[in-house]
Amino acid sequence: MSDNGGDDVHSDDSDDHSGGARDQRPVAEVSLSLDSTLEILADHDRRVIIDYLRAEADQTATVGELADYLVSQKVEKADERPSSDRVQTMLHHIHVPKLVDVGLVDYDARNEEIRYWGSERLERWHERIQNRDD
């Protein structure tokens, strides 16, 4: 019985119903397991980070730019205003390391720049989640 559940998840994951791509760049071939994909996307802030990086022409941003964007999104969506320092701390100690560990981003500590590489699987699931959140 659990095999059918696994098959259902696999078949859902292989279907691409995203229509037109939001950007014209090819997605890097970072291979993520379904568990890693869902773990990354389970956190709202990481979904916002991925959305921001995907929208950038060169798929890069500094920690400061991401922190400012996260703060603005929290103000807009939840009417809360966390400190930029707190958000930067969360980026440095939680979100960026998780994204680096699975290979979705590279982090250059010298200039605090994050480069997004992406994953076809992650981006399909990300769009599904966004469609349901909207």
Protein backbone atom coordinates (compact mmCIF):
# COMPACT_ATOMS: atom_id res chain seq x y z
CA MET A 1 0.00 0.00 0.00
CA SER A 2 2.81 2.44 0.75
CA ASP A 3 4.28 1.69 -2.68
CA ASN A 4 1.19 3.18 -4.31
CA GLY A 5 1.58 6.31 -2.20
CA GLY A 6 5.17 6.62 -3.34
CA ASP A 7 4.14 6.07 -6.94
CA ASP A 8 1.46 8.76 -6.66
CA VAL A 9 3.95 11.27 -5.32
CA HIS A 10 6.46 10.35 -8.02
CA SER A 11 3.91 10.68 -10.81
CA ASP A 12 2.74 14.05 -9.44
CA ASP A 13 6.33 15.22 -9.29
CA SER A 14 7.06 14.27 -12.89
CA ASP A 15 4.07 16.14 -14.33
CA ASP A 16 4.89 19.71 -15.35
CA HIS A 17 1.75 21.83 -15.49
CA SER A 18 3.50 25.15 -14.99
CA GLY A 19 2.63 26.49 -18.44
CA GLY A 20 5.04 29.25 -19.40
CA ALA A 21 8.20 29.64 -17.40
CA ARG A 22 8.53 32.74 -15.25
CA ASP A 23 12.03 33.30 -16.55
CA GLN A 24 13.96 32.43 -19.68
CA ARG A 25 17.13 31.01 -18.13
CA PRO A 26 17.75 27.28 -18.18
CA VAL A 27 17.45 25.64 -14.77
CA ALA A 28 20.68 24.19 -13.45
CA GLU A 29 20.71 20.47 -12.99
CA VAL A 30 20.84 20.36 -9.19
CA SER A 31 19.33 17.02 -8.29
CA LEU A 32 17.29 17.09 -5.09
CA SER A 33 15.39 14.27 -3.47
CA LEU A 34 11.71 14.84 -2.89
CA ASP A 35 12.34 14.98 0.87
CA SER A 36 15.03 17.68 0.46
CA THR A 37 12.80 19.62 -1.91
CA LEU A 38 9.88 19.62 0.51
CA GLU A 39 12.11 20.42 3.49
CA ILE A 40 13.46 23.50 1.71
CA LEU A 41 10.00 24.63 0.59
CA ALA A 42 8.38 23.98 3.99
CA ASP A 43 9.66 27.32 5.28
CA HIS A 44 7.90 30.48 4.05
CA ASP A 45 11.05 32.62 4.24
CA ARG A 46 12.98 30.15 2.07
CA ARG A 47 10.17 30.22 -0.51
CA VAL A 48 10.42 34.03 -0.56
CA ILE A 49 14.22 33.82 -0.92
CA ILE A 50 13.93 31.39 -3.83
CA ASP A 51 11.29 33.57 -5.48
CA TYR A 52 13.51 36.64 -5.16
CA LEU A 53 16.60 34.91 -6.53
CA ARG A 54 14.68 33.40 -9.45
CA ALA A 55 13.38 36.84 -10.41
CA GLU A 56 16.86 38.41 -10.52
CA ALA A 57 18.37 38.50 -14.02
CA ASP A 58 21.66 37.00 -12.82
CA GLN A 59 20.08 34.95 -9.99
CA THR A 60 22.27 36.67 -7.39
CA ALA A 61 21.64 38.87 -4.37
CA THR A 62 23.47 40.01 -1.30
CA VAL A 63 22.39 39.03 2.18
CA GLY A 64 21.43 42.67 2.77
CA GLU A 65 19.20 42.75 -0.32
CA LEU A 66 17.49 39.52 0.72
CA ALA A 67 17.02 40.78 4.28
CA ASP A 68 15.43 44.02 3.04
CA TYR A 69 13.14 42.06 0.73
CA LEU A 70 12.10 39.62 3.47
CA VAL A 71 11.32 42.52 5.83
CA SER A 72 9.24 44.26 3.15
CA GLN A 73 7.31 41.03 2.44
CA LYS A 74 6.57 40.53 6.14
CA VAL A 75 5.30 44.12 6.39
CA GLU A 76 3.15 43.69 3.28
CA LYS A 77 1.74 40.22 4.01
CA ALA A 78 1.61 39.95 7.79
CA ASP A 79 1.76 43.58 8.92
CA GLU A 80 4.79 42.81 11.09
CA ARG A 81 8.18 44.50 10.96
CA PRO A 82 11.06 42.33 12.16
CA SER A 83 14.42 44.02 12.53
CA SER A 84 16.73 43.78 9.55
CA ASP A 85 19.49 42.52 11.89
CA ARG A 86 17.30 39.64 13.06
CA VAL A 87 16.42 38.69 9.48
CA GLN A 88 20.10 38.85 8.44
CA THR A 89 21.00 36.59 11.37
CA MET A 90 18.37 34.06 10.27
CA LEU A 91 19.74 34.22 6.73
CA HIS A 92 23.35 33.68 7.87
CA HIS A 93 22.68 30.91 10.37
CA ILE A 94 19.66 29.04 9.02
CA HIS A 95 18.40 29.71 5.50
CA VAL A 96 21.58 30.24 3.47
CA PRO A 97 23.39 27.25 5.03
CA LYS A 98 20.39 24.98 4.26
CA LEU A 99 20.29 26.18 0.66
CA VAL A 100 24.07 25.75 0.31
CA ASP A 101 23.98 22.27 1.86
CA VAL A 102 21.57 20.97 -0.80
CA GLY A 103 23.41 22.75 -3.64
CA LEU A 104 20.73 25.29 -4.57
CA VAL A 105 22.99 28.27 -3.93
CA ASP A 106 26.62 29.21 -3.59
CA TYR A 107 27.59 31.75 -0.95
CA ASP A 108 30.57 34.08 -1.28
CA ALA A 109 31.33 35.27 2.27
CA ARG A 110 33.70 38.01 1.09
CA ASN A 111 30.95 40.05 -0.56
CA GLU A 112 28.00 38.24 1.10
CA GLU A 113 26.64 37.31 -2.32
CA ILE A 114 24.32 34.39 -2.92
CA ARG A 115 24.06 32.78 -6.36
CA TYR A 116 21.04 30.62 -7.10
CA TRP A 117 21.48 27.47 -9.21
CA GLY A 118 18.03 26.01 -8.90
CA SER A 119 16.46 22.64 -9.42
CA GLU A 120 13.76 21.67 -11.88
CA ARG A 121 11.97 19.58 -9.24
CA LEU A 122 12.14 22.34 -6.63
CA GLU A 123 10.87 24.96 -9.05
CA ARG A 124 7.90 22.81 -10.11
CA TRP A 125 6.92 22.23 -6.47
CA HIS A 126 7.56 25.89 -5.62
CA GLU A 127 5.13 27.01 -8.31
CA ARG A 128 2.51 24.52 -7.12
CA ILE A 129 2.78 25.88 -3.58
CA GLN A 130 2.60 29.48 -4.78
CA ASN A 131 -0.51 28.73 -6.83
CA ARG A 132 -2.20 27.29 -3.76
CA ASP A 133 -1.08 30.19 -1.53
CA ASP A 134 -2.51 32.76 -3.98
